[in-house]
Protein backbone atom coordinates (compact mmCIF):
# COMPACT_ATOMS: atom_id res chain seq x y z
CA MET A 1 45.57 63.05 -1.10
CA LEU A 2 48.85 61.67 -2.48
CA LYS A 3 49.99 60.73 1.03
CA GLY A 4 46.82 58.69 1.44
CA ILE A 5 47.68 56.69 -1.67
CA VAL A 6 51.14 55.63 -0.51
CA SER A 7 51.22 52.16 1.09
CA ASP A 8 53.42 49.07 1.28
CA GLU A 9 52.54 48.27 -2.31
CA ILE A 10 52.69 51.88 -3.71
CA LEU A 11 56.12 53.29 -2.70
CA SER A 12 55.82 56.73 -4.33
CA THR A 13 53.26 58.78 -6.20
CA ALA A 14 53.39 62.22 -7.89
CA LEU A 15 51.53 64.71 -10.04
CA VAL A 16 53.51 65.00 -13.32
CA GLY A 17 53.48 68.12 -15.51
CA PRO A 18 53.37 68.26 -19.32
CA ASP A 19 57.17 68.47 -19.39
CA GLY A 20 57.53 65.16 -17.54
CA ARG A 21 58.73 66.70 -14.29
CA THR A 22 57.04 66.15 -10.92
CA ALA A 23 54.98 69.07 -9.73
CA ILE A 24 54.24 67.57 -6.33
CA GLY A 25 54.59 64.14 -4.88
CA VAL A 26 55.34 61.80 -1.97
CA ASN A 27 58.76 60.09 -1.92
CA GLN A 28 59.32 61.70 -5.29
CA ASN A 29 63.06 61.14 -4.99
CA LEU A 30 62.36 57.47 -5.62
CA LEU A 31 60.21 58.31 -8.61
CA ALA A 32 62.17 61.17 -10.25
CA PRO A 33 65.04 59.10 -11.75
CA HIS A 34 62.54 57.12 -13.76
CA LEU A 35 60.69 60.11 -15.25
CA SER A 36 61.93 62.07 -18.30
CA PRO A 37 60.35 64.75 -20.52
CA GLY A 38 58.52 63.69 -23.67
CA LYS A 39 57.89 60.04 -22.67
CA ASN A 40 54.43 58.57 -22.99
CA LEU A 41 52.74 58.57 -19.62
CA ASP A 42 49.99 56.03 -20.47
CA LYS A 43 51.73 52.72 -19.75
CA VAL A 44 53.15 50.31 -17.18
CA ARG A 45 56.91 49.79 -17.28
CA GLN A 46 58.84 47.06 -15.45
CA LEU A 47 61.87 48.74 -13.88
CA ASP A 48 63.36 45.61 -12.27
CA SER A 49 62.19 42.44 -10.54
CA GLN A 50 61.14 44.42 -7.47
CA THR A 51 59.43 47.51 -8.90
CA SER A 52 57.22 48.78 -11.72
CA LEU A 53 56.31 52.29 -12.94
CA GLN A 54 52.68 53.11 -13.64
CA THR A 55 51.92 56.37 -15.50
CA CYS A 56 48.78 57.88 -16.97
CA SER A 57 47.81 61.20 -18.58
CA GLY A 58 44.56 63.02 -19.30
CA LEU A 59 44.32 65.30 -16.28
CA TYR A 60 43.66 69.02 -16.48
CA SER A 61 46.15 71.12 -18.55
CA GLY A 62 48.20 68.13 -19.65
CA PHE A 63 49.03 66.88 -16.16
CA GLY A 64 49.26 63.20 -15.36
CA MET A 65 49.88 60.77 -12.52
CA ALA A 66 52.85 58.49 -11.84
CA ALA A 67 53.30 55.79 -9.18
CA LEU A 68 56.18 53.52 -8.20
CA ILE A 69 54.80 50.09 -7.33
CA SER A 70 56.55 47.38 -5.25
CA ASN A 71 55.99 44.13 -7.07
CA LYS A 72 57.06 42.07 -4.08
CA ALA A 73 54.66 43.79 -1.67
CA LEU A 74 51.84 43.46 -4.18
CA MET A 75 52.50 39.76 -4.65
CA ASP A 76 52.68 39.27 -0.89
CA GLN A 77 49.29 40.96 -0.55
CA ILE A 78 47.82 38.79 -3.30
CA GLY A 79 49.29 35.75 -1.57
CA LYS A 80 47.59 36.74 1.68
CA VAL A 81 44.29 37.13 -0.14
CA PHE A 82 44.64 33.70 -1.71
CA SER A 83 45.60 32.22 1.65
CA ARG A 84 42.51 33.64 3.27
CA THR A 85 40.39 32.45 0.34
CA TYR A 86 41.91 28.98 0.66
CA LEU A 87 41.10 28.89 4.37
CA VAL A 88 37.53 30.00 3.66
CA LEU A 89 37.20 27.30 0.99
CA CYS A 90 38.59 24.70 3.41
CA LEU A 91 36.12 25.85 6.05
CA ILE A 92 33.25 25.63 3.56
CA GLY A 93 34.44 22.16 2.51
CA ALA A 94 34.65 20.99 6.13
CA THR A 95 31.19 22.41 6.82
CA GLY A 96 29.90 20.60 3.75
CA MET A 97 31.40 17.34 4.98
CA LEU A 98 29.78 17.82 8.38
CA ILE A 99 26.44 18.46 6.70
CA VAL A 100 26.89 15.33 4.59
CA LEU A 101 27.82 13.25 7.65
CA PHE A 102 24.85 14.65 9.57
CA ALA A 103 22.56 13.90 6.64
CA MET A 104 23.97 10.38 6.45
CA ARG A 105 23.29 9.91 10.13
CA LYS A 106 19.72 11.13 9.75
CA THR A 107 18.91 9.46 6.44
CA TYR A 108 21.54 7.08 5.10
CA LEU A 109 22.18 5.08 8.28
CA PRO A 110 18.46 4.57 9.10
CA LEU A 111 17.95 3.71 5.44
CA ARG A 112 20.76 1.18 5.64
CA ARG A 113 19.33 -0.38 8.81
CA LEU A 114 15.89 -0.49 7.20
CA ALA A 115 17.36 -2.16 4.12
CA GLN A 116 19.16 -4.73 6.29
CA LYS A 117 15.91 -5.45 8.06
CA ILE A 118 13.76 -5.84 4.95
CA VAL A 119 16.06 -6.96 2.11
CA GLU A 120 17.26 -10.50 2.57
CA ASP A 121 20.49 -10.25 0.53
CA LEU A 122 21.78 -6.71 0.17
CA ASP A 123 23.61 -5.99 -3.07
CA PRO A 124 26.54 -3.59 -2.36
CA GLU A 125 26.49 -2.44 -5.96
CA GLN A 126 22.88 -1.26 -5.77
CA GLY A 127 21.47 1.70 -3.86
CA TYR A 128 19.42 1.08 -0.73
CA LEU A 129 16.45 3.01 -2.08
CA GLU A 130 16.40 0.89 -5.20
CA GLN A 131 16.63 -2.35 -3.21
CA LEU A 132 13.94 -1.19 -0.77
CA ASP A 133 11.71 -0.26 -3.70
CA VAL A 134 12.19 -3.74 -5.14
CA ALA A 135 11.47 -5.33 -1.73
CA PHE A 136 8.32 -3.26 -1.13
CA SER A 137 7.13 -3.90 -4.68
CA ALA A 138 7.69 -7.62 -4.18
CA ALA A 139 5.73 -7.54 -0.90
CA ALA A 140 2.87 -5.61 -2.51
CA SER A 141 2.88 -8.01 -5.46
CA GLU A 142 2.83 -10.97 -3.07
CA ASN A 143 -0.21 -9.52 -1.29
CA ARG A 144 -1.98 -8.90 -4.59
CA ASN A 145 -1.17 -12.42 -5.77
CA LEU A 146 -2.44 -13.87 -2.52
CA GLN A 147 -5.68 -11.90 -2.83
CA GLU A 148 -6.10 -13.00 -6.45
CA LYS A 149 -5.51 -16.62 -5.41
CA ILE A 150 -8.10 -16.29 -2.65
CA GLU A 151 -10.63 -14.86 -5.13
CA LYS A 152 -9.90 -17.58 -7.69
CA TYR A 153 -10.13 -20.25 -5.02
CA ARG A 154 -13.44 -18.78 -3.83
CA LEU A 155 -14.84 -18.85 -7.37
CA SER A 156 -13.52 -22.37 -7.92
CA MET A 157 -15.17 -23.55 -4.70
CA GLN A 158 -18.51 -22.03 -5.67
CA LYS A 159 -18.36 -23.59 -9.14
CA SER A 160 -17.51 -26.98 -7.71
CA ILE A 161 -20.39 -26.73 -5.21
CA LEU A 162 -22.88 -25.98 -7.98
CA ASP A 163 -21.40 -28.75 -10.11
CA SER A 164 -21.79 -31.25 -7.27
CA ILE A 165 -25.51 -30.62 -6.80
CA ILE A 166 -26.85 -30.25 -10.36
CA ALA A 167 -28.67 -33.12 -11.99
CA ASP A 168 -26.68 -35.62 -13.97
CA GLY A 169 -27.79 -34.97 -17.53
CA HIS A 170 -24.52 -34.95 -19.46
CA SER A 171 -22.44 -37.54 -21.16
CA SER A 172 -19.42 -37.05 -18.93
CA ARG A 173 -18.34 -35.42 -15.69
CA GLN A 174 -15.89 -33.17 -17.55
CA GLU A 175 -18.70 -31.86 -19.74
CA THR A 176 -20.62 -30.93 -16.58
CA LEU A 177 -17.64 -29.01 -15.24
CA ASP A 178 -17.18 -27.18 -18.53
CA ASN A 179 -20.84 -26.21 -18.64
CA VAL A 180 -20.76 -24.87 -15.09
CA ASP A 181 -17.68 -22.79 -15.92
CA SER A 182 -19.60 -20.99 -18.67
CA PHE A 183 -22.08 -19.68 -16.06
CA PHE A 184 -19.32 -18.05 -13.96
CA THR A 185 -18.03 -15.55 -16.51
CA MET A 186 -18.96 -12.61 -14.24
CA GLU A 187 -19.56 -10.46 -17.32
CA PRO A 188 -22.05 -7.64 -16.52
CA ASP A 189 -23.86 -8.11 -19.87
CA ASN A 190 -24.40 -11.82 -19.25
CA LEU A 191 -27.81 -12.60 -17.71
CA LEU A 192 -28.81 -15.86 -16.09
CA PHE A 193 -32.39 -17.18 -15.99
CA ALA A 194 -34.00 -20.17 -14.30
CA LEU A 195 -36.67 -21.90 -16.37
CA ARG A 196 -39.14 -24.53 -15.16
CA MET A 197 -40.96 -26.59 -17.82
CA ARG A 198 -43.68 -29.25 -17.84
CA ASN A 199 -45.60 -31.14 -20.49
CA ALA A 200 -49.05 -29.50 -20.98
CA ALA A 201 -50.48 -32.89 -21.98
CA ARG A 202 -50.46 -33.92 -18.32
CA ASP A 203 -52.85 -31.12 -17.39
CA GLN A 204 -55.03 -31.71 -20.45
CA ALA A 205 -55.36 -35.39 -19.58
CA ARG A 206 -56.39 -34.46 -16.01
CA THR A 207 -54.33 -37.27 -14.56
CA ASP A 208 -51.53 -37.65 -12.06
CA SER A 209 -49.63 -39.97 -14.36
CA PRO A 210 -46.20 -38.67 -15.41
CA PHE A 211 -45.59 -37.22 -18.82
CA PRO A 212 -41.78 -37.23 -18.93
CA LEU A 213 -40.00 -34.39 -20.72
CA PRO A 214 -37.23 -35.07 -23.24
CA VAL A 215 -34.77 -33.12 -21.05
CA GLN A 216 -31.67 -33.45 -23.23
CA GLU A 217 -33.62 -32.60 -26.35
CA ILE A 218 -34.98 -29.42 -24.76
CA ALA A 219 -31.51 -28.49 -23.45
CA GLY A 220 -30.12 -29.00 -26.94
CA PHE A 221 -32.82 -26.74 -28.37
CA PHE A 222 -31.87 -23.86 -26.06
CA ARG A 223 -28.16 -24.32 -26.74
CA GLU A 224 -28.90 -23.89 -30.42
CA ALA A 225 -31.34 -21.03 -29.98
CA LEU A 226 -29.40 -18.87 -27.48
CA PRO A 227 -26.09 -17.15 -28.30
CA GLY A 228 -22.87 -18.33 -26.70
CA LYS A 229 -21.48 -21.74 -25.89
CA ASP A 230 -23.12 -24.02 -23.30
CA SER A 231 -26.06 -21.64 -22.81
CA CYS A 232 -28.30 -24.20 -21.11
CA LEU A 233 -27.69 -26.38 -18.04
CA VAL A 234 -30.08 -28.91 -16.48
CA LEU A 235 -30.46 -28.12 -12.81
CA GLU A 236 -32.86 -30.92 -11.95
CA HIS A 237 -35.60 -33.02 -13.51
CA ASP A 238 -38.10 -35.70 -12.58
CA ASP A 239 -40.93 -37.60 -14.31
CA ASP A 240 -43.12 -34.49 -14.24
CA SER A 241 -41.00 -31.38 -14.85
CA ALA A 242 -37.49 -30.05 -15.30
CA MET A 243 -35.57 -26.98 -14.18
CA PHE A 244 -33.07 -25.41 -16.59
CA LEU A 245 -30.48 -22.68 -16.14
CA LEU A 246 -30.13 -20.40 -19.16
CA SER A 247 -27.23 -18.05 -19.97
CA TYR A 248 -27.82 -15.14 -22.33
CA PRO A 249 -24.49 -13.34 -23.04
CA GLY A 250 -23.77 -10.19 -25.01
CA PRO A 251 -24.88 -6.55 -24.95
CA GLU A 252 -28.28 -7.27 -26.50
CA GLU A 253 -31.17 -5.59 -24.67
CA ASN A 254 -34.59 -7.08 -23.85
CA LYS A 255 -33.11 -10.52 -23.20
CA GLU A 256 -36.08 -11.58 -21.10
CA GLU A 257 -38.56 -10.59 -23.83
CA SER A 258 -36.55 -12.57 -26.39
CA ILE A 259 -36.62 -15.71 -24.22
CA LEU A 260 -40.37 -15.33 -23.56
CA THR A 261 -41.04 -15.04 -27.30
CA LEU A 262 -38.95 -18.16 -27.87
CA LEU A 263 -40.90 -20.03 -25.16
CA GLU A 264 -44.26 -19.01 -26.59
CA ASN A 265 -43.24 -20.28 -30.03
CA TYR A 266 -41.95 -23.47 -28.46
CA TYR A 267 -45.28 -23.94 -26.66
CA GLU A 268 -47.15 -23.61 -29.97
CA GLU A 269 -45.00 -26.39 -31.43
CA GLU A 270 -44.44 -28.75 -28.48
CA GLU A 271 -47.04 -27.69 -25.85
CA TYR A 272 -44.55 -27.36 -23.01
CA LEU A 273 -45.55 -25.10 -20.13
CA SER A 274 -42.82 -22.62 -19.09
CA ALA A 275 -42.14 -20.44 -16.05
CA LEU A 276 -39.25 -17.99 -16.41
CA SER A 277 -37.51 -16.25 -13.52
CA ASN A 278 -36.16 -12.74 -13.58
CA GLY A 279 -32.60 -12.26 -14.89
CA ALA A 280 -29.42 -11.83 -12.83
CA SER A 281 -25.76 -11.45 -13.72
CA SER A 282 -24.23 -13.21 -10.70
CA PRO A 283 -24.21 -17.01 -10.34
CA MET A 284 -24.80 -16.41 -6.61
CA ASP A 285 -28.38 -15.50 -7.54
CA ILE A 286 -29.08 -18.93 -9.07
CA PRO A 287 -30.92 -20.19 -5.93
CA SER A 288 -33.11 -17.07 -5.95
CA LEU A 289 -33.81 -17.50 -9.68
CA TYR A 290 -34.68 -21.15 -9.02
CA GLU A 291 -37.12 -20.11 -6.31
CA ASN A 292 -38.69 -17.43 -8.51
CA ALA A 293 -39.22 -19.87 -11.38
CA LEU A 294 -40.95 -22.30 -8.99
CA TYR A 295 -43.17 -19.48 -7.73
CA ALA A 296 -44.07 -18.35 -11.26
CA SER A 297 -45.10 -21.88 -12.24
CA ARG A 298 -48.11 -21.52 -9.92
CA GLU A 299 -49.73 -19.47 -12.70
CA TRP A 300 -49.73 -22.30 -15.25
CA SER A 301 -53.43 -22.80 -14.69
CA HIS A 302 -54.01 -19.30 -16.12
CA LYS A 303 -51.23 -18.98 -18.70
CA PRO A 304 -48.90 -21.51 -20.36
CA VAL A 305 -45.86 -19.19 -20.51
CA VAL A 306 -45.33 -17.19 -17.32
CA ALA A 307 -42.67 -14.63 -16.28
CA PHE A 308 -41.91 -14.00 -12.61
CA ARG A 309 -41.86 -10.22 -13.15
CA ALA A 310 -45.48 -10.40 -14.45
CA MET A 311 -46.78 -12.21 -11.37
CA PRO A 312 -49.90 -10.62 -9.81
CA PRO A 313 -49.65 -8.49 -6.64
CA GLY A 314 -48.72 -10.44 -3.55
CA SER A 315 -45.58 -11.99 -5.01
CA PRO A 316 -42.70 -11.99 -2.53
CA SER A 317 -40.53 -8.91 -3.00
CA ARG A 318 -37.51 -10.60 -1.39
CA PRO A 319 -37.34 -14.37 -1.81
CA SER A 320 -35.75 -16.28 1.07
CA LEU A 321 -32.76 -17.22 -1.10
CA THR A 322 -31.94 -13.71 -2.30
CA TYR A 323 -28.19 -13.35 -1.99
CA PRO A 324 -27.15 -10.99 0.89
CA TYR A 325 -24.86 -8.69 -1.10
CA ASP A 326 -25.56 -5.70 1.18
CA SER A 327 -24.80 -7.62 4.37
CA LEU A 328 -21.56 -8.99 2.93
CA GLU A 329 -20.53 -5.48 1.82
CA GLN A 330 -21.26 -4.11 5.31
CA LEU A 331 -19.17 -6.92 6.78
CA ALA A 332 -16.27 -6.07 4.44
CA GLN A 333 -16.49 -2.36 5.40
CA ALA A 334 -16.56 -3.15 9.13
CA LEU A 335 -13.49 -5.38 8.76
CA LYS A 336 -11.70 -2.70 6.74
CA LYS A 337 -12.35 -0.14 9.51
CA GLN A 338 -11.47 -2.76 12.16
CA ASP A 339 -14.87 -2.20 13.74
CA PHE A 340 -14.97 -5.66 15.29
CA PRO A 341 -18.26 -5.33 17.23
CA GLU A 342 -19.99 -4.36 13.95
CA ALA A 343 -18.23 -7.17 12.07
CA HIS A 344 -19.33 -9.67 14.74
CA SER A 345 -22.90 -8.37 14.49
CA GLN A 346 -22.91 -8.71 10.68
CA ILE A 347 -21.58 -12.27 10.87
CA GLN A 348 -24.29 -13.17 13.41
CA GLU A 349 -26.96 -11.74 11.06
CA LEU A 350 -25.56 -13.80 8.18
CA PHE A 351 -25.57 -16.91 10.39
CA ALA A 352 -29.21 -16.20 11.25
CA LEU A 353 -30.03 -15.86 7.53
CA ILE A 354 -28.29 -19.14 6.79
CA ASP A 355 -30.05 -20.91 9.64
CA SER A 356 -33.43 -19.72 8.32
CA SER A 357 -32.70 -21.00 4.80
CA PRO A 358 -34.10 -24.43 3.82
CA ALA A 359 -30.63 -25.96 3.48
CA GLY A 360 -30.41 -29.62 2.65
CA LYS A 361 -28.11 -32.04 0.94
CA ASN A 362 -27.82 -31.72 -2.87
CA THR A 363 -30.27 -28.82 -3.22
CA LEU A 364 -29.92 -25.29 -4.54
CA PRO A 365 -30.61 -23.83 -1.09
CA ASP A 366 -27.51 -25.73 0.04
CA PHE A 367 -25.55 -24.04 -2.76
CA PHE A 368 -26.84 -20.70 -1.47
CA VAL A 369 -25.73 -21.45 2.11
CA ARG A 370 -22.28 -22.69 1.16
CA CYS A 371 -21.60 -19.70 -1.09
CA VAL A 372 -22.58 -17.26 1.68
CA LEU A 373 -20.19 -19.04 4.07
CA ILE A 374 -17.36 -18.94 1.52
CA ASP A 375 -17.95 -15.22 0.96
CA ILE A 376 -17.80 -14.60 4.73
CA LEU A 377 -14.46 -16.40 4.83
CA THR A 378 -13.20 -14.47 1.81
CA ALA A 379 -14.16 -11.11 3.37
CA LEU A 380 -12.22 -12.04 6.51
CA ILE A 381 -9.13 -13.24 4.67
CA ASN A 382 -9.03 -10.25 2.31
CA ALA A 383 -9.24 -7.82 5.25
CA MET A 384 -6.46 -9.65 7.13
CA ASN A 385 -4.30 -9.70 4.02
CA GLN A 386 -4.80 -5.94 3.50
CA LYS A 387 -3.66 -5.33 7.09
CA ASN A 388 -0.45 -7.32 6.41
CA ILE A 389 -1.30 -10.12 8.84
CA LYS A 390 0.83 -13.06 7.76
CA PHE A 391 -1.14 -15.75 5.95
CA ARG A 392 0.67 -18.54 7.76
CA GLU A 393 -0.89 -17.32 11.03
CA TYR A 394 -4.39 -18.32 9.93
CA ARG A 395 -3.85 -20.59 6.92
CA ASP A 396 -4.77 -23.86 8.65
CA ILE A 397 -8.00 -22.49 10.13
CA TYR A 398 -8.99 -20.98 6.77
CA PHE A 399 -8.41 -24.14 4.73
CA GLU A 400 -10.15 -26.36 7.27
CA ALA A 401 -13.19 -24.06 7.26
CA LEU A 402 -13.23 -24.12 3.44
CA TYR A 403 -13.04 -27.91 3.49
CA PHE A 404 -16.09 -28.11 5.76
CA CYS A 405 -18.02 -25.65 3.54
CA ARG A 406 -17.12 -27.53 0.38
CA SER A 407 -17.43 -31.14 1.47
CA TYR A 408 -20.30 -31.30 3.97
CA PRO A 409 -23.91 -30.10 4.12
CA TYR A 410 -24.13 -27.09 6.41
CA PRO A 411 -26.32 -28.71 9.11
CA GLU A 412 -23.78 -31.49 9.50
CA LYS A 413 -20.78 -29.19 10.18
CA LYS A 414 -22.61 -26.08 11.39
CA ALA A 415 -20.86 -25.92 14.79
CA GLU A 416 -17.37 -26.42 13.33
CA ILE A 417 -17.88 -23.88 10.52
CA GLN A 418 -19.20 -21.18 12.83
CA ALA A 419 -16.43 -21.87 15.38
CA HIS A 420 -13.74 -21.51 12.69
CA ILE A 421 -15.19 -18.23 11.38
CA LYS A 422 -15.38 -16.81 14.91
CA GLN A 423 -11.83 -18.00 15.54
CA LEU A 424 -10.62 -16.17 12.43
CA LEU A 425 -12.38 -12.97 13.54
CA THR A 426 -10.87 -13.28 17.04
CA LEU A 427 -7.41 -13.84 15.57
CA PHE A 428 -7.83 -10.81 13.29
CA GLN A 429 -8.88 -8.65 16.25
CA SER A 430 -5.97 -9.88 18.36
CA GLU A 431 -3.42 -9.21 15.61
CA ALA A 432 -4.90 -5.76 14.91
CA GLU A 433 -4.80 -4.81 18.59
CA SER A 434 -1.20 -5.96 18.88
CA GLN A 435 -0.36 -3.60 16.03
CA PHE A 436 -1.93 -0.67 17.89
CA ILE A 437 0.85 1.14 19.72
CA ASN A 438 0.20 3.88 22.29
CA ALA A 439 2.41 6.26 24.26
CA ALA A 440 2.21 4.21 27.47
CA GLN A 441 3.54 1.10 25.72
CA ILE A 442 6.38 3.04 24.11
CA GLN A 443 7.34 4.85 27.32
CA GLN A 444 7.37 1.65 29.36
CA LEU A 445 9.63 -0.09 26.87
CA VAL A 446 11.99 2.91 26.62
CA GLU A 447 12.34 3.16 30.39
CA GLU A 448 13.14 -0.53 30.59
CA CYS A 449 15.70 -0.59 27.78
CA TYR A 450 17.26 2.87 27.36
CA THR A 451 20.46 1.95 29.25
CA SER A 452 21.16 -0.95 26.89
CA THR A 453 23.85 -0.40 24.27
CA GLU A 454 21.66 -2.36 21.82
CA PHE A 455 18.65 -0.08 22.26
CA SER A 456 17.70 1.83 19.09
CA ILE A 457 14.73 2.83 16.97
CA SER A 458 15.16 -0.39 14.98
CA TYR A 459 14.93 -2.36 18.23
CA LEU A 460 11.58 -0.68 18.96
CA ALA A 461 10.40 -1.37 15.41
CA ASP A 462 11.23 -5.07 15.81
CA ILE A 463 9.35 -5.28 19.11
CA PHE A 464 6.18 -3.71 17.68
CA HIS A 465 6.51 -5.43 14.27
CA VAL A 466 6.49 -2.21 12.23
CA SER A 467 8.97 -0.49 9.91
CA ILE A 468 11.69 1.82 11.26
CA THR A 469 10.22 4.73 9.32
CA TYR A 470 6.76 4.18 10.80
CA MET A 471 8.21 3.66 14.29
CA SER A 472 10.07 6.99 14.06
CA PHE A 473 6.90 8.75 12.98
CA LEU A 474 4.82 7.07 15.68
CA PHE A 475 7.38 7.82 18.43
CA LYS A 476 7.37 11.55 17.70
CA LYS A 477 3.60 11.58 17.38
CA GLU A 478 3.02 9.78 20.69
CA MET A 479 5.94 11.18 22.74
CA GLY A 480 6.17 14.67 21.24
CA GLU A 481 9.92 14.37 20.67
CA ASN A 482 12.41 12.62 18.41
CA PHE A 483 13.56 9.20 19.57
CA SER A 484 17.25 10.18 19.89
CA ASP A 485 16.50 13.36 21.88
CA TYR A 486 14.11 11.58 24.21
CA VAL A 487 16.51 8.71 24.95
CA TRP A 488 19.49 11.04 25.38
CA ALA A 489 17.57 13.08 27.98
CA LEU A 490 17.03 9.90 30.02
CA ARG A 491 20.64 8.83 29.64
CA LEU A 492 21.93 12.29 30.59
CA GLU A 493 19.93 12.38 33.80
CA LYS A 494 21.19 8.95 34.81
CA ALA A 495 24.78 9.93 33.95
CA LYS A 496 24.55 13.09 36.10
CA LYS A 497 23.23 11.06 39.01
CA LEU A 498 26.06 8.54 38.72
CA LEU A 499 28.67 11.30 38.43
CA LEU A 500 27.47 13.12 41.55
CA THR A 501 26.65 10.14 43.75
CA THR A 502 29.26 7.50 42.86
CA ASP A 503 32.98 7.11 42.20
CA MET A 504 32.44 5.09 39.00
CA PRO A 505 34.99 5.81 36.24
CA ILE A 506 33.69 7.90 33.35
CA ASP A 507 34.09 4.97 30.95
CA ASP A 508 31.94 2.76 33.21
CA ILE A 509 29.28 5.46 33.48
CA SER A 510 29.28 5.76 29.69
CA LEU A 511 28.60 2.03 29.41
CA ALA A 512 25.99 2.17 32.17
CA VAL A 513 23.90 4.68 30.23
CA GLY A 514 24.10 2.84 26.90
CA TYR A 515 27.28 4.23 25.25
CA LEU A 516 29.94 1.77 24.14
CA ASN A 517 32.15 4.63 22.92
CA ALA A 518 33.19 6.78 25.91
CA SER A 519 34.50 9.54 23.61
CA SER A 520 31.10 9.91 21.99
CA PHE A 521 29.52 10.07 25.44
CA ARG A 522 31.94 12.80 26.62
CA ARG A 523 31.41 14.86 23.48
CA LYS A 524 27.62 14.59 23.69
CA PHE A 525 27.73 15.40 27.41
CA LYS A 526 29.77 18.58 26.87
CA GLN A 527 27.60 19.70 23.94
CA THR A 528 24.53 19.47 26.16
CA THR A 529 25.81 20.72 29.53
CA GLY A 530 28.73 22.95 28.51
CA MET A 531 31.17 20.98 30.66
CA THR A 532 32.88 17.62 30.60
CA PRO A 533 31.80 14.78 32.89
CA SER A 534 34.96 15.28 34.95
CA GLN A 535 34.25 19.00 35.40
CA MET A 536 30.72 18.26 36.59
CA ARG A 537 32.04 15.77 39.10
CA GLY A 538 34.36 18.55 40.34
């Protein structure tokens, strides 16, 4: 057992008796001079710079152990251990660096190229992710702002159309504009009503002579009686009757009953016949309300104050000027899904509805037609904006179509308006199809360009007008392989063919397969094939 303990570091070891003498040992002649009876065995004693004595007691019958240790050999062994540890740490560090470089190649470099592509002026003191986030946020904000502008412009156009066709019953043009604005609040609790009135004295006199209404006086009465500012607007009037537009804001229920009670009291005082339409919250329903009020006034011979909802059976369930909300929503959904045949069909149905409407200059049916056309345009532009089609590509067509809708009666510019809307739909379809990328398109482009030193995933992204990240995803999805692996396989096959069938220098072959750096080509070639290009050539 003692012989097994002796090594380069432990020169001698022995079993020591209670009297301090060695009972048995290995190389005990080296140890004996340093042992003496009566000395404490439990300690380590430095003998000189080269050796130390280690003793311990506590064995059976007072025996102990003693060992002569070579300090130099022990330090050499420790040094070897540290050297090996240092080499392992260096290897771990080098492996870590390789992992970092590989990660940079896979993430940092594509990120950097993406940032260079998207961010106009890169800031070296800011991270690429932060700058890309700012750029994407700015692009998203720009799209939202554009959509908000389109919606505001749409609303402004519709207000101006209504303003241009209402009767002139105000002291100034600006007052008219302000009054129209109050009817476009779009608040869900705000209800609009059309009201037709006539002087009952005309019917009582049984004559066709006019009994003019004091239009401004009546309008003033409703503005005082109804809550909110500018609650009454004169739509039209003649020597016989007048049509008013009423706004009833606020959460109050039974608005229609309140107005009918007010009209009945007003009839008792002034003897004015009244026909009230149903209520609606959207100003787009004003033509339908107008039509309903006209229809309800047919019952004046039976009742002086009439509500459209109380008309006898046989009343039209869908007036010809009911706004086509459902059709416009179906159009928006078809455009969102890029279902262009369905979108074309919906637009044709809306054109047919418009053509069947009694549109004419300076009439509420004309307001109905123009608003439908503007909403068709808005649905198209919103869908194109959401698909990131650049506004400048269709801006001129859009504004010219809006100008025709705003400035001319529909019959006068019907052909031009319909042609512009169809042109916008065709442009949208063309742009959407150009964004659709399939495997055949990708493969054809790769086969044409893979030998170019400029060919990269960013080059593909530029060609198809998509981001590098999306192009990488799409390439793997369509081709079943990463871009770099796919392209390298093509380059390797071409390089092998050139090596075996030509005498071209290796550097020229490297360039011919798309590698500017011949060393990189050689290294990649050996990693893949297990031999250098020269060895393959033989």
